[in-house]
Amino acid sequence: MIGNKIQKIRKSKGLTLSECAERANISKSYLSNIERNLNDNPTIQVLEKLALVLGVDVSTLITAHSMYEQPLENKWLQFVNELKSSGVKPHELPQFKAVIEFAKWKHEKPIKAKE
C-alpha cells in the first residue's frame, strides 16, 4: 500500500515523521495516518509534495512494486539523489560510469615511490 511505501522510503532517507511532514508542508498526523494506511487515498497534490521531499517520482509511490520494497543503503540513495539533483539525466549515466571506473582504477593503482 502507498502508506507502507512512503514510510519505507522516508526511513531509508533517514527522515523522521516530523521532518518529512514539515518539508512536505502537511501535518504530522496526516502523514502518520497515510503511513498507517488509515488514509489510503491521499490527493495527488499531497503525493507530489511527498515525492519531492523523498526524492522519488510520484509513480514510485503509487505503483504496485518498486525498488523501495527492498531495504536500501542510505549512502547509495543519497548518491543517486545527488546525481539527480545536480542535473544528471538517465541517458548521461554511461558517461559517469566511465568517470567512476577511472576513479576506482586510480584508487586501486599502487602508488610508486619517486626515485
N, C-alpha and C. Protein backbone atom coordinates (compact mmCIF):
# COMPACT_ATOMS: atom_id res chain seq x y z
N MET A 1 0.83 -1.19 0.00
CA MET A 1 0.00 0.00 0.00
C MET A 1 0.88 1.25 0.00
N ILE A 2 0.29 2.35 -0.39
CA ILE A 2 1.03 3.61 -0.52
C ILE A 2 1.69 4.01 0.80
N GLY A 3 0.95 3.90 1.88
CA GLY A 3 1.48 4.32 3.17
C GLY A 3 2.73 3.56 3.58
N ASN A 4 2.70 2.24 3.37
CA ASN A 4 3.87 1.43 3.71
C ASN A 4 5.08 1.85 2.88
N LYS A 5 4.84 2.11 1.61
CA LYS A 5 5.93 2.50 0.71
C LYS A 5 6.51 3.85 1.13
N ILE A 6 5.64 4.81 1.44
CA ILE A 6 6.11 6.13 1.88
C ILE A 6 6.96 5.99 3.14
N GLN A 7 6.49 5.19 4.07
CA GLN A 7 7.23 5.00 5.32
C GLN A 7 8.60 4.36 5.07
N LYS A 8 8.66 3.35 4.22
CA LYS A 8 9.94 2.69 3.92
C LYS A 8 10.92 3.66 3.28
N ILE A 9 10.43 4.45 2.33
CA ILE A 9 11.31 5.40 1.66
C ILE A 9 11.77 6.48 2.64
N ARG A 10 10.83 6.98 3.44
CA ARG A 10 11.17 8.02 4.41
C ARG A 10 12.25 7.53 5.36
N LYS A 11 12.08 6.33 5.88
CA LYS A 11 13.06 5.79 6.82
C LYS A 11 14.40 5.52 6.14
N SER A 12 14.35 5.07 4.87
CA SER A 12 15.61 4.82 4.16
C SER A 12 16.38 6.11 3.94
N LYS A 13 15.68 7.24 3.91
CA LYS A 13 16.31 8.56 3.74
C LYS A 13 16.75 9.14 5.08
N GLY A 14 16.41 8.45 6.17
CA GLY A 14 16.78 8.93 7.50
C GLY A 14 15.94 10.10 7.98
N LEU A 15 14.74 10.23 7.44
CA LEU A 15 13.85 11.32 7.85
C LEU A 15 12.88 10.86 8.93
N THR A 16 12.66 11.69 9.92
CA THR A 16 11.64 11.40 10.90
C THR A 16 10.28 11.77 10.30
N LEU A 17 9.23 11.29 10.94
CA LEU A 17 7.88 11.63 10.51
C LEU A 17 7.68 13.15 10.54
N SER A 18 8.16 13.78 11.59
CA SER A 18 8.02 15.23 11.74
C SER A 18 8.78 15.98 10.65
N GLU A 19 10.02 15.57 10.37
CA GLU A 19 10.81 16.24 9.34
C GLU A 19 10.16 16.13 7.97
N CYS A 20 9.71 14.94 7.65
CA CYS A 20 9.10 14.71 6.35
C CYS A 20 7.82 15.52 6.20
N ALA A 21 6.98 15.50 7.22
CA ALA A 21 5.73 16.25 7.17
C ALA A 21 5.99 17.75 7.04
N GLU A 22 6.95 18.25 7.79
CA GLU A 22 7.28 19.68 7.74
C GLU A 22 7.78 20.08 6.36
N ARG A 23 8.67 19.28 5.81
CA ARG A 23 9.23 19.59 4.49
C ARG A 23 8.16 19.52 3.39
N ALA A 24 7.18 18.62 3.58
CA ALA A 24 6.11 18.48 2.59
C ALA A 24 4.97 19.46 2.84
N ASN A 25 5.08 20.19 3.94
CA ASN A 25 4.05 21.17 4.31
C ASN A 25 2.68 20.51 4.52
N ILE A 26 2.71 19.37 5.22
CA ILE A 26 1.47 18.70 5.63
C ILE A 26 1.59 18.41 7.12
N SER A 27 0.48 18.12 7.75
CA SER A 27 0.55 17.88 9.19
C SER A 27 1.15 16.51 9.49
N LYS A 28 1.81 16.44 10.63
CA LYS A 28 2.42 15.19 11.07
C LYS A 28 1.36 14.10 11.24
N SER A 29 0.21 14.48 11.78
CA SER A 29 -0.85 13.49 11.99
C SER A 29 -1.40 12.97 10.66
N TYR A 30 -1.48 13.86 9.66
CA TYR A 30 -1.96 13.44 8.35
C TYR A 30 -0.98 12.45 7.71
N LEU A 31 0.31 12.75 7.80
CA LEU A 31 1.32 11.84 7.26
C LEU A 31 1.29 10.52 8.02
N SER A 32 1.14 10.58 9.32
CA SER A 32 1.06 9.36 10.12
C SER A 32 -0.13 8.51 9.69
N ASN A 33 -1.27 9.15 9.45
CA ASN A 33 -2.45 8.41 9.00
C ASN A 33 -2.23 7.77 7.63
N ILE A 34 -1.52 8.47 6.77
CA ILE A 34 -1.21 7.90 5.45
C ILE A 34 -0.31 6.68 5.62
N GLU A 35 0.75 6.83 6.40
CA GLU A 35 1.71 5.74 6.58
C GLU A 35 1.09 4.52 7.26
N ARG A 36 0.12 4.75 8.13
CA ARG A 36 -0.54 3.63 8.81
C ARG A 36 -1.75 3.13 8.02
N ASN A 37 -1.90 3.65 6.80
CA ASN A 37 -2.97 3.26 5.89
C ASN A 37 -4.36 3.53 6.46
N LEU A 38 -4.45 4.50 7.36
CA LEU A 38 -5.76 4.95 7.84
C LEU A 38 -6.37 5.89 6.81
N ASN A 39 -5.50 6.57 6.07
CA ASN A 39 -5.93 7.38 4.93
C ASN A 39 -5.20 6.78 3.73
N ASP A 40 -5.86 5.89 3.01
CA ASP A 40 -5.19 5.21 1.91
C ASP A 40 -5.50 5.83 0.55
N ASN A 41 -6.01 7.06 0.56
CA ASN A 41 -6.33 7.74 -0.68
C ASN A 41 -5.93 9.21 -0.61
N PRO A 42 -4.62 9.49 -0.40
CA PRO A 42 -4.20 10.90 -0.35
C PRO A 42 -4.33 11.55 -1.73
N THR A 43 -4.48 12.85 -1.75
CA THR A 43 -4.63 13.56 -3.02
C THR A 43 -3.32 13.51 -3.80
N ILE A 44 -3.42 13.73 -5.09
CA ILE A 44 -2.23 13.76 -5.94
C ILE A 44 -1.31 14.90 -5.52
N GLN A 45 -1.88 16.00 -5.04
CA GLN A 45 -1.06 17.12 -4.59
C GLN A 45 -0.20 16.72 -3.39
N VAL A 46 -0.79 15.97 -2.46
CA VAL A 46 -0.03 15.51 -1.29
C VAL A 46 1.04 14.52 -1.73
N LEU A 47 0.69 13.63 -2.65
CA LEU A 47 1.68 12.66 -3.14
C LEU A 47 2.83 13.36 -3.86
N GLU A 48 2.53 14.41 -4.59
CA GLU A 48 3.58 15.17 -5.28
C GLU A 48 4.52 15.83 -4.27
N LYS A 49 3.94 16.39 -3.21
CA LYS A 49 4.77 17.01 -2.17
C LYS A 49 5.68 15.98 -1.51
N LEU A 50 5.10 14.82 -1.17
CA LEU A 50 5.87 13.77 -0.52
C LEU A 50 6.96 13.23 -1.45
N ALA A 51 6.61 13.04 -2.71
CA ALA A 51 7.58 12.53 -3.68
C ALA A 51 8.76 13.49 -3.80
N LEU A 52 8.47 14.78 -3.82
CA LEU A 52 9.53 15.78 -3.91
C LEU A 52 10.46 15.71 -2.70
N VAL A 53 9.87 15.65 -1.52
CA VAL A 53 10.66 15.57 -0.28
C VAL A 53 11.48 14.28 -0.24
N LEU A 54 10.89 13.19 -0.71
CA LEU A 54 11.56 11.89 -0.65
C LEU A 54 12.52 11.65 -1.81
N GLY A 55 12.49 12.55 -2.79
CA GLY A 55 13.41 12.42 -3.92
C GLY A 55 13.06 11.29 -4.87
N VAL A 56 11.76 11.03 -5.02
CA VAL A 56 11.31 9.97 -5.93
C VAL A 56 10.22 10.52 -6.84
N ASP A 57 9.90 9.78 -7.88
CA ASP A 57 8.77 10.15 -8.74
C ASP A 57 7.48 9.72 -8.06
N VAL A 58 6.40 10.42 -8.38
CA VAL A 58 5.09 10.05 -7.83
C VAL A 58 4.77 8.60 -8.21
N SER A 59 5.16 8.20 -9.41
CA SER A 59 4.86 6.83 -9.85
C SER A 59 5.47 5.78 -8.92
N THR A 60 6.61 6.11 -8.30
CA THR A 60 7.23 5.20 -7.35
C THR A 60 6.31 4.96 -6.16
N LEU A 61 5.60 6.00 -5.76
CA LEU A 61 4.71 5.87 -4.60
C LEU A 61 3.44 5.10 -4.93
N ILE A 62 2.99 5.18 -6.17
CA ILE A 62 1.67 4.60 -6.48
C ILE A 62 1.72 3.27 -7.23
N THR A 63 2.90 2.87 -7.72
CA THR A 63 2.97 1.60 -8.41
C THR A 63 2.99 0.45 -7.42
N ALA A 64 2.53 -0.70 -7.90
CA ALA A 64 2.40 -1.86 -7.03
C ALA A 64 3.75 -2.33 -6.48
N HIS A 65 4.78 -2.29 -7.31
CA HIS A 65 6.10 -2.76 -6.88
C HIS A 65 7.13 -1.71 -7.23
N SER A 66 8.10 -1.60 -6.37
CA SER A 66 9.20 -0.68 -6.66
C SER A 66 10.45 -1.19 -5.97
N MET A 67 11.57 -0.58 -6.34
CA MET A 67 12.83 -0.97 -5.72
C MET A 67 12.84 -0.66 -4.23
N TYR A 68 11.93 0.20 -3.76
CA TYR A 68 11.92 0.57 -2.35
C TYR A 68 11.27 -0.48 -1.47
N GLU A 69 10.78 -1.55 -2.06
CA GLU A 69 10.20 -2.59 -1.24
C GLU A 69 11.28 -3.50 -0.67
N GLN A 70 12.51 -3.28 -1.07
CA GLN A 70 13.64 -3.99 -0.51
C GLN A 70 14.49 -2.98 0.24
N PRO A 71 15.15 -3.41 1.32
CA PRO A 71 15.98 -2.46 2.07
C PRO A 71 17.08 -1.88 1.19
N LEU A 72 17.31 -0.61 1.33
CA LEU A 72 18.35 0.07 0.56
C LEU A 72 19.31 0.76 1.51
N GLU A 73 20.52 0.89 1.06
CA GLU A 73 21.51 1.58 1.87
C GLU A 73 21.40 3.08 1.65
N ASN A 74 21.37 3.82 2.73
CA ASN A 74 21.20 5.27 2.66
C ASN A 74 22.27 5.96 1.81
N LYS A 75 23.51 5.50 1.88
CA LYS A 75 24.57 6.16 1.12
C LYS A 75 24.34 6.04 -0.37
N TRP A 76 23.86 4.89 -0.82
CA TRP A 76 23.58 4.72 -2.25
C TRP A 76 22.43 5.61 -2.69
N LEU A 77 21.40 5.66 -1.88
CA LEU A 77 20.26 6.52 -2.20
C LEU A 77 20.69 7.98 -2.24
N GLN A 78 21.49 8.36 -1.29
CA GLN A 78 21.96 9.74 -1.25
C GLN A 78 22.79 10.06 -2.49
N PHE A 79 23.66 9.13 -2.89
CA PHE A 79 24.48 9.33 -4.08
C PHE A 79 23.61 9.51 -5.33
N VAL A 80 22.63 8.65 -5.48
CA VAL A 80 21.74 8.73 -6.64
C VAL A 80 20.95 10.04 -6.62
N ASN A 81 20.46 10.42 -5.47
CA ASN A 81 19.72 11.68 -5.36
C ASN A 81 20.59 12.89 -5.64
N GLU A 82 21.85 12.83 -5.22
CA GLU A 82 22.77 13.93 -5.50
C GLU A 82 23.04 14.03 -7.00
N LEU A 83 23.19 12.88 -7.65
CA LEU A 83 23.36 12.90 -9.11
C LEU A 83 22.14 13.54 -9.77
N LYS A 84 20.98 13.10 -9.34
CA LYS A 84 19.73 13.60 -9.93
C LYS A 84 19.58 15.10 -9.68
N SER A 85 19.83 15.53 -8.47
CA SER A 85 19.65 16.95 -8.15
C SER A 85 20.71 17.84 -8.80
N SER A 86 21.85 17.25 -9.17
CA SER A 86 22.88 18.05 -9.85
C SER A 86 22.59 18.17 -11.35
N GLY A 87 21.51 17.55 -11.79
CA GLY A 87 21.11 17.70 -13.18
C GLY A 87 21.49 16.56 -14.10
N VAL A 88 22.04 15.49 -13.54
CA VAL A 88 22.41 14.34 -14.37
C VAL A 88 21.14 13.66 -14.85
N LYS A 89 21.07 13.42 -16.14
CA LYS A 89 19.92 12.76 -16.76
C LYS A 89 20.24 11.27 -16.94
N PRO A 90 19.21 10.41 -16.92
CA PRO A 90 19.45 8.97 -17.06
C PRO A 90 20.28 8.59 -18.29
N HIS A 91 20.09 9.28 -19.40
CA HIS A 91 20.85 8.94 -20.61
C HIS A 91 22.33 9.33 -20.49
N GLU A 92 22.68 10.12 -19.49
CA GLU A 92 24.07 10.53 -19.28
C GLU A 92 24.84 9.58 -18.36
N LEU A 93 24.15 8.65 -17.74
CA LEU A 93 24.78 7.76 -16.77
C LEU A 93 25.98 6.98 -17.32
N PRO A 94 25.94 6.49 -18.57
CA PRO A 94 27.13 5.77 -19.07
C PRO A 94 28.40 6.63 -19.04
N GLN A 95 28.27 7.92 -19.28
CA GLN A 95 29.44 8.81 -19.23
C GLN A 95 29.99 8.88 -17.80
N PHE A 96 29.10 8.93 -16.84
CA PHE A 96 29.53 9.00 -15.45
C PHE A 96 30.11 7.68 -14.98
N LYS A 97 29.64 6.60 -15.57
CA LYS A 97 30.19 5.29 -15.23
C LYS A 97 31.67 5.25 -15.58
N ALA A 98 32.04 5.82 -16.72
CA ALA A 98 33.44 5.86 -17.13
C ALA A 98 34.28 6.64 -16.12
N VAL A 99 33.74 7.74 -15.63
CA VAL A 99 34.46 8.55 -14.64
C VAL A 99 34.63 7.75 -13.34
N ILE A 100 33.60 7.06 -12.95
CA ILE A 100 33.66 6.25 -11.72
C ILE A 100 34.67 5.12 -11.88
N GLU A 101 34.68 4.47 -13.05
CA GLU A 101 35.65 3.40 -13.30
C GLU A 101 37.07 3.94 -13.24
N PHE A 102 37.30 5.13 -13.80
CA PHE A 102 38.63 5.74 -13.74
C PHE A 102 39.04 6.01 -12.30
N ALA A 103 38.12 6.60 -11.53
CA ALA A 103 38.43 6.90 -10.13
C ALA A 103 38.72 5.62 -9.35
N LYS A 104 37.96 4.58 -9.62
CA LYS A 104 38.17 3.29 -8.96
C LYS A 104 39.55 2.74 -9.34
N TRP A 105 39.90 2.81 -10.62
CA TRP A 105 41.20 2.33 -11.09
C TRP A 105 42.33 3.12 -10.42
N LYS A 106 42.17 4.43 -10.38
CA LYS A 106 43.21 5.28 -9.80
C LYS A 106 43.38 4.98 -8.30
N HIS A 107 42.27 4.73 -7.62
CA HIS A 107 42.32 4.42 -6.19
C HIS A 107 43.02 3.09 -5.93
N GLU A 108 42.79 2.12 -6.81
CA GLU A 108 43.36 0.78 -6.62
C GLU A 108 44.79 0.67 -7.13
N LYS A 109 45.22 1.62 -7.95
CA LYS A 109 46.57 1.59 -8.54
C LYS A 109 47.60 1.83 -7.44
N PRO A 110 48.61 0.94 -7.36
CA PRO A 110 49.63 1.13 -6.31
C PRO A 110 50.42 2.42 -6.54
N ILE A 111 50.73 3.08 -5.46
CA ILE A 111 51.49 4.32 -5.52
C ILE A 111 52.96 3.96 -5.62
N LYS A 112 53.62 4.47 -6.66
CA LYS A 112 55.05 4.19 -6.83
C LYS A 112 55.87 5.27 -6.12
N ALA A 113 56.91 4.82 -5.49
CA ALA A 113 57.82 5.76 -4.81
C ALA A 113 58.62 6.51 -5.86
N LYS A 114 58.85 7.79 -5.61
CA LYS A 114 59.67 8.59 -6.53
C LYS A 114 61.13 8.17 -6.38
N GLU A 115 61.80 8.12 -7.51
CA GLU A 115 63.20 7.69 -7.48
C GLU A 115 64.13 8.87 -7.38
